[in-house]
Amino acid sequence: MGRVYATPEQLTTWTGQPPPAEAGRLLARASEDVDSALLTAVYETDDEGLPTDPVVVQALADAVCALIEYRSETGDSGTGARDRWDSVSLGPASMSGRRAAVNQPGGVDLGDRAERALRRAGLLPGVIW
């Protein structure tokens, strides 16, 4: 498993709700997506690749929790399947119109609150000089 930037307790604090049974999986998936959005961001890390600056640590935790909250509100599982087609029928099977890729950092739809948390910490847009 990769780096995970938030805990079930932080998710509870963020949402005001008890963490879902699959909180560990959701936190890991959202952390991977935040990593994808930050491929060009520059910040100090320890030997395990975790941020060391408390502002960055908090921003990543906030972004992960906000992304989980956003996906919960929109019914998105985070697999990317939700936005693949603009029309789907089940019988007899019919699909039409692939939707365009998400125009977000790293191709990940972070949702507004997660993106703002990363921008406030100076992590987006990530630019390598």
Protein backbone atom coordinates (compact mmCIF):
# COMPACT_ATOMS: atom_id res chain seq x y z
CA MET A 1 0.00 0.00 0.00
CA GLY A 2 1.20 3.53 -0.81
CA ARG A 3 1.28 6.56 1.39
CA VAL A 4 -1.97 7.40 3.19
CA TYR A 5 -2.35 11.03 4.20
CA ALA A 6 -5.34 10.92 6.55
CA THR A 7 -6.69 8.70 9.30
CA PRO A 8 -10.22 7.48 9.96
CA GLU A 9 -10.28 9.87 12.92
CA GLN A 10 -9.43 12.83 10.66
CA LEU A 11 -12.17 11.73 8.26
CA THR A 12 -14.65 11.68 11.16
CA THR A 13 -13.58 15.19 12.20
CA TRP A 14 -13.90 16.41 8.60
CA THR A 15 -17.32 14.92 7.86
CA GLY A 16 -18.85 14.93 11.33
CA GLN A 17 -19.88 11.32 10.71
CA PRO A 18 -18.40 8.01 11.90
CA PRO A 19 -15.98 6.60 9.34
CA PRO A 20 -17.50 4.10 6.92
CA ALA A 21 -16.56 0.44 7.26
CA GLU A 22 -14.35 0.74 4.18
CA ALA A 23 -12.55 3.87 5.48
CA GLY A 24 -9.09 2.35 5.07
CA ARG A 25 -9.69 1.58 1.40
CA LEU A 26 -11.27 4.99 0.76
CA LEU A 27 -8.37 6.80 2.46
CA ALA A 28 -5.80 4.82 0.47
CA ARG A 29 -7.59 5.41 -2.85
CA ALA A 30 -8.07 9.13 -2.18
CA SER A 31 -4.41 9.44 -1.12
CA GLU A 32 -3.32 7.85 -4.41
CA ASP A 33 -5.48 10.31 -6.32
CA VAL A 34 -4.04 13.26 -4.40
CA ASP A 35 -0.56 11.93 -5.22
CA SER A 36 -1.53 11.83 -8.91
CA ALA A 37 -2.65 15.45 -8.75
CA LEU A 38 0.66 16.46 -7.14
CA LEU A 39 3.10 14.79 -9.51
CA THR A 40 4.95 18.07 -10.10
CA ALA A 41 4.56 19.57 -6.63
CA VAL A 42 7.72 20.19 -4.65
CA TYR A 43 7.76 19.81 -0.87
CA GLU A 44 10.03 18.35 1.81
CA THR A 45 9.57 14.65 2.61
CA ASP A 46 11.01 12.09 4.96
CA ASP A 47 12.62 8.78 3.92
CA GLU A 48 9.16 7.23 3.37
CA GLY A 49 8.03 10.04 1.06
CA LEU A 50 5.69 11.60 3.62
CA PRO A 51 5.62 15.39 3.94
CA THR A 52 7.46 16.94 6.87
CA ASP A 53 6.05 20.49 6.84
CA PRO A 54 3.01 20.61 9.16
CA VAL A 55 1.15 22.89 6.72
CA VAL A 56 1.61 20.36 3.90
CA VAL A 57 0.73 17.44 6.19
CA GLN A 58 -2.55 19.15 7.10
CA ALA A 59 -3.30 20.16 3.50
CA LEU A 60 -2.88 16.58 2.28
CA ALA A 61 -5.08 15.23 5.08
CA ASP A 62 -7.73 17.87 4.34
CA ALA A 63 -7.59 17.13 0.60
CA VAL A 64 -8.00 13.38 1.15
CA CYS A 65 -10.95 13.89 3.51
CA ALA A 66 -12.55 16.46 1.19
CA LEU A 67 -12.15 14.10 -1.77
CA ILE A 68 -13.87 11.26 0.12
CA GLU A 69 -16.68 13.61 1.17
CA TYR A 70 -17.04 14.87 -2.43
CA ARG A 71 -17.22 11.36 -3.83
CA SER A 72 -19.76 10.37 -1.21
CA GLU A 73 -21.95 13.33 -2.12
CA THR A 74 -21.69 12.71 -5.88
CA GLY A 75 -22.01 8.93 -5.71
CA ASP A 76 -18.56 8.47 -7.27
CA SER A 77 -16.65 5.37 -6.17
CA GLY A 78 -13.34 6.82 -7.31
CA THR A 79 -12.85 4.12 -9.93
CA GLY A 80 -13.42 6.53 -12.79
CA ALA A 81 -16.37 4.56 -14.12
CA ARG A 82 -18.99 7.18 -13.24
CA ASP A 83 -17.99 9.60 -15.99
CA ARG A 84 -17.10 7.15 -18.74
CA TRP A 85 -20.33 7.38 -20.73
CA ASP A 86 -22.93 10.07 -21.17
CA SER A 87 -25.69 7.51 -21.80
CA VAL A 88 -26.01 3.83 -20.83
CA SER A 89 -28.87 1.37 -21.24
CA LEU A 90 -29.03 -2.13 -19.82
CA GLY A 91 -31.34 -4.00 -22.08
CA PRO A 92 -30.37 -4.76 -24.71
CA ALA A 93 -27.00 -3.22 -23.78
CA SER A 94 -26.31 0.19 -25.31
CA MET A 95 -23.62 2.77 -24.54
CA SER A 96 -22.89 6.06 -26.24
CA GLY A 97 -20.58 9.04 -26.17
CA ARG A 98 -17.43 8.66 -24.16
CA ARG A 99 -16.96 11.71 -22.04
CA ALA A 100 -13.77 13.73 -22.21
CA ALA A 101 -11.08 13.16 -19.63
CA VAL A 102 -11.29 15.21 -16.45
CA ASN A 103 -9.53 18.54 -16.87
CA GLN A 104 -8.00 18.55 -13.41
CA PRO A 105 -4.47 18.24 -12.00
CA GLY A 106 -3.16 14.77 -12.79
CA GLY A 107 -6.45 13.94 -14.55
CA VAL A 108 -8.14 13.48 -11.17
CA ASP A 109 -11.43 15.15 -10.26
CA LEU A 110 -10.52 16.30 -6.77
CA GLY A 111 -13.60 18.38 -6.16
CA ASP A 112 -13.43 22.03 -5.20
CA ARG A 113 -12.64 21.71 -1.49
CA ALA A 114 -9.75 19.27 -1.97
CA GLU A 115 -8.27 21.38 -4.75
CA ARG A 116 -8.53 24.53 -2.63
CA ALA A 117 -6.78 22.85 0.31
CA LEU A 118 -3.87 21.94 -1.95
CA ARG A 119 -3.76 25.42 -3.55
CA ARG A 120 -3.73 27.15 -0.13
CA ALA A 121 -0.69 25.10 0.85
CA GLY A 122 1.07 26.12 -2.39
CA LEU A 123 1.00 22.58 -3.79
CA LEU A 124 -1.07 23.42 -6.89
CA PRO A 125 -0.29 24.22 -9.52
CA GLY A 126 2.83 22.13 -9.19
CA VAL A 127 5.63 23.59 -11.25
CA ILE A 128 9.15 22.29 -11.66
CA TRP A 129 11.66 25.05 -12.40
